[in-house]
Structure formats: C-alpha cells, structure tokens
Amino acid sequence: MECDDWSTKKFKKRNFTSVLEGEIDSMQVDISKLREAIDMGMVKQDMGAARIAMLQKELCGAIKQLNDEKVLMDKQGLILAGADRALREMLSIFRDDPIEGPLQEASMGVWTKILQEES
C-alpha cells in the first residue's frame, strides 16, 4: 500500500480528460475572438469564415472524442456491475453446496483477470 501511494505521488498521471476540456474552452474563446475580429474589420470575412469553419470542425472533433470516452467509461462500469451481480448470484445459489469453495476461487480468478485487462 505504501508503495502504491509513493508511486502515485512520484509519478502523477495526467488527466487527459481535463486537458481536452481545457482545449475545448480555448477553442471556443478563439472562435469568439475571431468573430469579433471579423466584425471589427481586422480579418476579411471570407478568410475569417474559412478559419471559423476549420476551428468549429476541430471543436466538434474534440467534443466527440470527450463524449466517446465518457460513453466508454459508462459501458465499462455497466459491464463490471453486471459481472459482479452474476458472480454474487451464483455464489448465493450454491451457498452451503460442495461446489461453493471452488466457485468462490473461480470468481476471484475472474475478477483478477478483469482487473488485469482494465490496467
């Protein structure tokens, strides 16, 4: 446990979701500034419209990527919850049965494999 605490403090993992959210905010600000520059006549409308279209396409891509990651996490959570429920129900059904011991060991093996695949 102490080793895990030390490694998480020493080697911090970047939260790419928050980085992506920050980029989305920055792109929205950039688009607003570009629109203001067009309105003030600092950027030609045809050039500005092309740049806005490009920025909006990047913005949509970043939002889609963030949404896809959230959906994937939700799906993984549902799968794990379903696996947990199935294993608990099986253990409940075979309680006080000679197969209970091997079944518990098998369920722990399944969880170990699932957690290894998650990492």
N, C-alpha and C. Protein backbone atom coordinates (compact mmCIF):
# COMPACT_ATOMS: atom_id res chain seq x y z
N MET A 1 0.82 -1.18 0.00
CA MET A 1 0.00 0.00 0.00
C MET A 1 0.87 1.25 0.00
N GLU A 2 1.90 1.27 0.81
CA GLU A 2 2.79 2.43 0.85
C GLU A 2 3.50 2.63 -0.49
N CYS A 3 3.82 1.51 -1.12
CA CYS A 3 4.49 1.59 -2.43
C CYS A 3 3.55 2.21 -3.46
N ASP A 4 2.28 1.83 -3.42
CA ASP A 4 1.29 2.41 -4.34
C ASP A 4 1.14 3.91 -4.12
N ASP A 5 1.07 4.31 -2.84
CA ASP A 5 0.95 5.74 -2.52
C ASP A 5 2.16 6.51 -3.03
N TRP A 6 3.34 5.95 -2.80
CA TRP A 6 4.57 6.62 -3.24
C TRP A 6 4.60 6.77 -4.75
N SER A 7 4.22 5.69 -5.46
CA SER A 7 4.30 5.73 -6.93
C SER A 7 3.28 6.72 -7.50
N THR A 8 2.10 6.82 -6.89
CA THR A 8 1.12 7.79 -7.41
C THR A 8 1.54 9.22 -7.12
N LYS A 9 2.23 9.44 -6.00
CA LYS A 9 2.72 10.79 -5.70
C LYS A 9 3.90 11.15 -6.58
N LYS A 10 4.79 10.20 -6.77
CA LYS A 10 6.02 10.45 -7.52
C LYS A 10 5.77 10.54 -9.03
N PHE A 11 4.92 9.67 -9.55
CA PHE A 11 4.66 9.60 -10.98
C PHE A 11 3.18 9.87 -11.23
N LYS A 12 2.83 11.14 -11.19
CA LYS A 12 1.43 11.53 -11.35
C LYS A 12 0.99 11.31 -12.79
N LYS A 13 -0.20 10.73 -12.92
CA LYS A 13 -0.78 10.52 -14.25
C LYS A 13 -1.51 11.78 -14.66
N ARG A 14 -1.36 12.14 -15.91
CA ARG A 14 -2.08 13.31 -16.42
C ARG A 14 -3.53 12.96 -16.64
N ASN A 15 -4.38 13.90 -16.32
CA ASN A 15 -5.81 13.72 -16.55
C ASN A 15 -6.11 14.31 -17.92
N PHE A 16 -6.10 13.45 -18.93
CA PHE A 16 -6.27 13.92 -20.30
C PHE A 16 -7.68 14.42 -20.56
N THR A 17 -8.64 13.97 -19.77
CA THR A 17 -9.99 14.48 -19.92
C THR A 17 -10.04 15.96 -19.60
N SER A 18 -9.39 16.35 -18.50
CA SER A 18 -9.39 17.77 -18.14
C SER A 18 -8.57 18.59 -19.14
N VAL A 19 -7.51 18.01 -19.69
CA VAL A 19 -6.73 18.70 -20.72
C VAL A 19 -7.60 18.94 -21.95
N LEU A 20 -8.35 17.92 -22.34
CA LEU A 20 -9.23 18.05 -23.50
C LEU A 20 -10.35 19.06 -23.24
N GLU A 21 -10.89 19.07 -22.02
CA GLU A 21 -11.92 20.05 -21.68
C GLU A 21 -11.35 21.47 -21.74
N GLY A 22 -10.10 21.64 -21.29
CA GLY A 22 -9.45 22.94 -21.39
C GLY A 22 -9.25 23.38 -22.82
N GLU A 23 -8.88 22.44 -23.68
CA GLU A 23 -8.72 22.75 -25.10
C GLU A 23 -10.05 23.15 -25.74
N ILE A 24 -11.11 22.49 -25.34
CA ILE A 24 -12.43 22.84 -25.85
C ILE A 24 -12.77 24.28 -25.46
N ASP A 25 -12.52 24.63 -24.21
CA ASP A 25 -12.78 26.00 -23.75
C ASP A 25 -11.94 27.01 -24.54
N SER A 26 -10.67 26.68 -24.76
CA SER A 26 -9.79 27.57 -25.52
C SER A 26 -10.26 27.76 -26.96
N MET A 27 -10.71 26.67 -27.58
CA MET A 27 -11.19 26.77 -28.95
C MET A 27 -12.44 27.65 -29.03
N GLN A 28 -13.31 27.55 -28.04
CA GLN A 28 -14.50 28.39 -28.03
C GLN A 28 -14.12 29.86 -27.90
N VAL A 29 -13.13 30.16 -27.07
CA VAL A 29 -12.65 31.54 -26.92
C VAL A 29 -12.03 32.02 -28.23
N ASP A 30 -11.23 31.17 -28.87
CA ASP A 30 -10.61 31.53 -30.14
C ASP A 30 -11.65 31.85 -31.21
N ILE A 31 -12.70 31.05 -31.26
CA ILE A 31 -13.76 31.30 -32.24
C ILE A 31 -14.44 32.63 -31.96
N SER A 32 -14.70 32.91 -30.70
CA SER A 32 -15.33 34.19 -30.34
C SER A 32 -14.44 35.37 -30.71
N LYS A 33 -13.14 35.26 -30.42
CA LYS A 33 -12.21 36.34 -30.76
C LYS A 33 -12.13 36.54 -32.27
N LEU A 34 -12.15 35.46 -33.01
CA LEU A 34 -12.10 35.56 -34.48
C LEU A 34 -13.36 36.23 -35.01
N ARG A 35 -14.49 35.90 -34.45
CA ARG A 35 -15.74 36.56 -34.87
C ARG A 35 -15.69 38.06 -34.58
N GLU A 36 -15.15 38.42 -33.42
CA GLU A 36 -15.01 39.84 -33.07
C GLU A 36 -14.07 40.55 -34.05
N ALA A 37 -12.98 39.87 -34.41
CA ALA A 37 -12.03 40.46 -35.35
C ALA A 37 -12.67 40.67 -36.72
N ILE A 38 -13.52 39.74 -37.13
CA ILE A 38 -14.23 39.89 -38.40
C ILE A 38 -15.19 41.07 -38.31
N ASP A 39 -15.93 41.17 -37.21
CA ASP A 39 -16.88 42.28 -37.04
C ASP A 39 -16.18 43.64 -37.02
N MET A 40 -14.96 43.68 -36.48
CA MET A 40 -14.22 44.95 -36.41
C MET A 40 -13.48 45.24 -37.70
N GLY A 41 -13.51 44.31 -38.65
CA GLY A 41 -12.85 44.53 -39.93
C GLY A 41 -11.37 44.22 -39.93
N MET A 42 -10.86 43.59 -38.88
CA MET A 42 -9.45 43.24 -38.81
C MET A 42 -9.11 42.01 -39.66
N VAL A 43 -10.12 41.17 -39.90
CA VAL A 43 -9.95 39.96 -40.71
C VAL A 43 -11.02 40.00 -41.78
N LYS A 44 -10.61 39.68 -43.02
CA LYS A 44 -11.58 39.65 -44.12
C LYS A 44 -12.62 38.56 -43.84
N GLN A 45 -13.84 38.84 -44.27
CA GLN A 45 -14.93 37.91 -43.98
C GLN A 45 -14.72 36.54 -44.60
N ASP A 46 -14.25 36.48 -45.83
CA ASP A 46 -14.08 35.18 -46.48
C ASP A 46 -12.98 34.36 -45.79
N MET A 47 -11.88 35.04 -45.43
CA MET A 47 -10.79 34.33 -44.72
C MET A 47 -11.25 33.93 -43.31
N GLY A 48 -11.98 34.83 -42.66
CA GLY A 48 -12.46 34.55 -41.31
C GLY A 48 -13.46 33.41 -41.28
N ALA A 49 -14.34 33.38 -42.29
CA ALA A 49 -15.33 32.31 -42.34
C ALA A 49 -14.66 30.95 -42.52
N ALA A 50 -13.62 30.90 -43.34
CA ALA A 50 -12.89 29.65 -43.54
C ALA A 50 -12.19 29.21 -42.25
N ARG A 51 -11.60 30.16 -41.53
CA ARG A 51 -10.93 29.84 -40.26
C ARG A 51 -11.93 29.40 -39.22
N ILE A 52 -13.08 30.07 -39.15
CA ILE A 52 -14.11 29.68 -38.19
C ILE A 52 -14.59 28.26 -38.48
N ALA A 53 -14.81 27.96 -39.76
CA ALA A 53 -15.25 26.61 -40.13
C ALA A 53 -14.23 25.56 -39.70
N MET A 54 -12.94 25.86 -39.89
CA MET A 54 -11.89 24.95 -39.50
C MET A 54 -11.87 24.76 -37.98
N LEU A 55 -11.96 25.86 -37.24
CA LEU A 55 -11.96 25.78 -35.78
C LEU A 55 -13.18 25.04 -35.25
N GLN A 56 -14.34 25.28 -35.87
CA GLN A 56 -15.54 24.59 -35.43
C GLN A 56 -15.45 23.09 -35.68
N LYS A 57 -14.81 22.72 -36.79
CA LYS A 57 -14.62 21.30 -37.08
C LYS A 57 -13.72 20.66 -36.03
N GLU A 58 -12.64 21.35 -35.65
CA GLU A 58 -11.76 20.84 -34.59
C GLU A 58 -12.50 20.77 -33.27
N LEU A 59 -13.31 21.77 -32.98
CA LEU A 59 -14.08 21.81 -31.74
C LEU A 59 -15.05 20.63 -31.68
N CYS A 60 -15.75 20.39 -32.77
CA CYS A 60 -16.68 19.26 -32.81
C CYS A 60 -15.95 17.93 -32.62
N GLY A 61 -14.78 17.80 -33.21
CA GLY A 61 -13.99 16.58 -33.05
C GLY A 61 -13.55 16.36 -31.61
N ALA A 62 -13.14 17.43 -30.94
CA ALA A 62 -12.72 17.33 -29.55
C ALA A 62 -13.90 16.97 -28.65
N ILE A 63 -15.05 17.59 -28.91
CA ILE A 63 -16.24 17.28 -28.12
C ILE A 63 -16.66 15.83 -28.32
N LYS A 64 -16.61 15.37 -29.57
CA LYS A 64 -16.97 13.97 -29.86
C LYS A 64 -16.02 13.01 -29.16
N GLN A 65 -14.74 13.32 -29.18
CA GLN A 65 -13.77 12.46 -28.52
C GLN A 65 -14.03 12.39 -27.02
N LEU A 66 -14.31 13.52 -26.40
CA LEU A 66 -14.60 13.56 -24.97
C LEU A 66 -15.87 12.77 -24.67
N ASN A 67 -16.89 12.94 -25.49
CA ASN A 67 -18.14 12.21 -25.29
C ASN A 67 -17.94 10.71 -25.47
N ASP A 68 -17.18 10.31 -26.47
CA ASP A 68 -16.92 8.89 -26.71
C ASP A 68 -16.21 8.25 -25.52
N GLU A 69 -15.27 8.97 -24.92
CA GLU A 69 -14.56 8.44 -23.75
C GLU A 69 -15.51 8.27 -22.57
N LYS A 70 -16.42 9.22 -22.38
CA LYS A 70 -17.38 9.11 -21.28
C LYS A 70 -18.32 7.94 -21.50
N VAL A 71 -18.77 7.73 -22.74
CA VAL A 71 -19.66 6.62 -23.04
C VAL A 71 -18.93 5.30 -22.81
N LEU A 72 -17.67 5.23 -23.19
CA LEU A 72 -16.88 4.01 -22.98
C LEU A 72 -16.75 3.70 -21.49
N MET A 73 -16.49 4.73 -20.69
CA MET A 73 -16.37 4.52 -19.25
C MET A 73 -17.70 4.05 -18.66
N ASP A 74 -18.80 4.62 -19.12
CA ASP A 74 -20.12 4.20 -18.64
C ASP A 74 -20.38 2.74 -19.00
N LYS A 75 -20.03 2.35 -20.23
CA LYS A 75 -20.24 0.96 -20.65
C LYS A 75 -19.40 0.01 -19.81
N GLN A 76 -18.14 0.38 -19.56
CA GLN A 76 -17.28 -0.48 -18.75
C GLN A 76 -17.84 -0.64 -17.35
N GLY A 77 -18.35 0.45 -16.79
CA GLY A 77 -18.95 0.38 -15.45
C GLY A 77 -20.15 -0.54 -15.42
N LEU A 78 -21.00 -0.46 -16.45
CA LEU A 78 -22.16 -1.34 -16.51
C LEU A 78 -21.76 -2.81 -16.66
N ILE A 79 -20.74 -3.05 -17.46
CA ILE A 79 -20.27 -4.43 -17.65
C ILE A 79 -19.73 -4.99 -16.34
N LEU A 80 -18.94 -4.19 -15.63
CA LEU A 80 -18.39 -4.64 -14.35
C LEU A 80 -19.50 -4.86 -13.33
N ALA A 81 -20.49 -3.99 -13.31
CA ALA A 81 -21.61 -4.17 -12.38
C ALA A 81 -22.38 -5.45 -12.70
N GLY A 82 -22.56 -5.73 -13.99
CA GLY A 82 -23.24 -6.95 -14.39
C GLY A 82 -22.46 -8.20 -14.01
N ALA A 83 -21.15 -8.15 -14.22
CA ALA A 83 -20.30 -9.28 -13.86
C ALA A 83 -20.35 -9.51 -12.35
N ASP A 84 -20.30 -8.44 -11.58
CA ASP A 84 -20.36 -8.55 -10.13
C ASP A 84 -21.68 -9.18 -9.70
N ARG A 85 -22.75 -8.71 -10.27
CA ARG A 85 -24.08 -9.24 -9.91
C ARG A 85 -24.18 -10.73 -10.25
N ALA A 86 -23.69 -11.11 -11.44
CA ALA A 86 -23.78 -12.51 -11.85
C ALA A 86 -22.98 -13.41 -10.91
N LEU A 87 -21.77 -12.98 -10.56
CA LEU A 87 -20.95 -13.79 -9.66
C LEU A 87 -21.57 -13.89 -8.27
N ARG A 88 -22.12 -12.80 -7.78
CA ARG A 88 -22.77 -12.83 -6.46
C ARG A 88 -24.00 -13.74 -6.46
N GLU A 89 -24.78 -13.70 -7.52
CA GLU A 89 -25.96 -14.56 -7.62
C GLU A 89 -25.57 -16.03 -7.66
N MET A 90 -24.52 -16.35 -8.42
CA MET A 90 -24.07 -17.74 -8.48
C MET A 90 -23.60 -18.21 -7.11
N LEU A 91 -22.85 -17.37 -6.40
CA LEU A 91 -22.39 -17.75 -5.07
C LEU A 91 -23.57 -17.91 -4.11
N SER A 92 -24.58 -17.08 -4.28
CA SER A 92 -25.77 -17.18 -3.43
C SER A 92 -26.54 -18.47 -3.71
N ILE A 93 -26.65 -18.83 -4.97
CA ILE A 93 -27.38 -20.04 -5.34
C ILE A 93 -26.69 -21.28 -4.80
N PHE A 94 -25.36 -21.31 -4.86
CA PHE A 94 -24.62 -22.51 -4.46
C PHE A 94 -24.08 -22.42 -3.03
N ARG A 95 -24.67 -21.54 -2.21
CA ARG A 95 -24.24 -21.43 -0.81
C ARG A 95 -24.53 -22.76 -0.11
N ASP A 96 -23.61 -23.16 0.75
CA ASP A 96 -23.71 -24.42 1.51
C ASP A 96 -23.74 -25.64 0.59
N ASP A 97 -23.17 -25.54 -0.56
CA ASP A 97 -23.07 -26.64 -1.52
C ASP A 97 -21.60 -27.00 -1.63
N PRO A 98 -21.26 -28.25 -1.92
CA PRO A 98 -19.83 -28.61 -2.04
C PRO A 98 -19.08 -27.82 -3.11
N ILE A 99 -19.81 -27.29 -4.06
CA ILE A 99 -19.17 -26.54 -5.14
C ILE A 99 -18.86 -25.09 -4.73
N GLU A 100 -19.34 -24.66 -3.57
CA GLU A 100 -19.19 -23.26 -3.15
C GLU A 100 -17.73 -22.82 -3.09
N GLY A 101 -16.86 -23.62 -2.49
CA GLY A 101 -15.43 -23.26 -2.37
C GLY A 101 -14.77 -23.06 -3.72
N PRO A 102 -14.84 -24.07 -4.61
CA PRO A 102 -14.24 -23.88 -5.94
C PRO A 102 -14.87 -22.73 -6.72
N LEU A 103 -16.17 -22.52 -6.52
CA LEU A 103 -16.85 -21.43 -7.21
C LEU A 103 -16.33 -20.06 -6.74
N GLN A 104 -16.08 -19.94 -5.43
CA GLN A 104 -15.52 -18.68 -4.91
C GLN A 104 -14.12 -18.44 -5.48
N GLU A 105 -13.32 -19.49 -5.54
CA GLU A 105 -11.98 -19.36 -6.11
C GLU A 105 -12.05 -18.98 -7.59
N ALA A 106 -12.98 -19.59 -8.30
CA ALA A 106 -13.13 -19.27 -9.73
C ALA A 106 -13.58 -17.83 -9.91
N SER A 107 -14.50 -17.36 -9.05
CA SER A 107 -14.97 -15.97 -9.17
C SER A 107 -13.85 -14.99 -8.87
N MET A 108 -12.99 -15.30 -7.93
CA MET A 108 -11.84 -14.43 -7.64
C MET A 108 -10.88 -14.43 -8.83
N GLY A 109 -10.73 -15.57 -9.48
CA GLY A 109 -9.90 -15.63 -10.68
C GLY A 109 -10.47 -14.79 -11.81
N VAL A 110 -11.79 -14.80 -11.94
CA VAL A 110 -12.44 -13.98 -12.96
C VAL A 110 -12.20 -12.51 -12.68
N TRP A 111 -12.37 -12.07 -11.42
CA TRP A 111 -12.14 -10.67 -11.07
C TRP A 111 -10.70 -10.26 -11.29
N THR A 112 -9.78 -11.15 -10.96
CA THR A 112 -8.36 -10.85 -11.19
C THR A 112 -8.10 -10.63 -12.66
N LYS A 113 -8.66 -11.49 -13.50
CA LYS A 113 -8.47 -11.34 -14.95
C LYS A 113 -9.10 -10.05 -15.46
N ILE A 114 -10.29 -9.72 -14.98
CA ILE A 114 -10.96 -8.48 -15.40
C ILE A 114 -10.14 -7.28 -15.00
N LEU A 115 -9.63 -7.27 -13.78
CA LEU A 115 -8.83 -6.11 -13.31
C LEU A 115 -7.51 -6.00 -14.06
N GLN A 116 -6.93 -7.13 -14.43
CA GLN A 116 -5.69 -7.08 -15.22
C GLN A 116 -5.96 -6.50 -16.60
N GLU A 117 -7.08 -6.83 -17.18
CA GLU A 117 -7.42 -6.30 -18.50
C GLU A 117 -7.73 -4.82 -18.43
N GLU A 118 -8.25 -4.35 -17.30
CA GLU A 118 -8.57 -2.93 -17.12
C GLU A 118 -7.30 -2.09 -17.05
N SER A 119 -6.24 -2.64 -16.49
CA SER A 119 -5.00 -1.87 -16.27
C SER A 119 -4.25 -1.63 -17.53
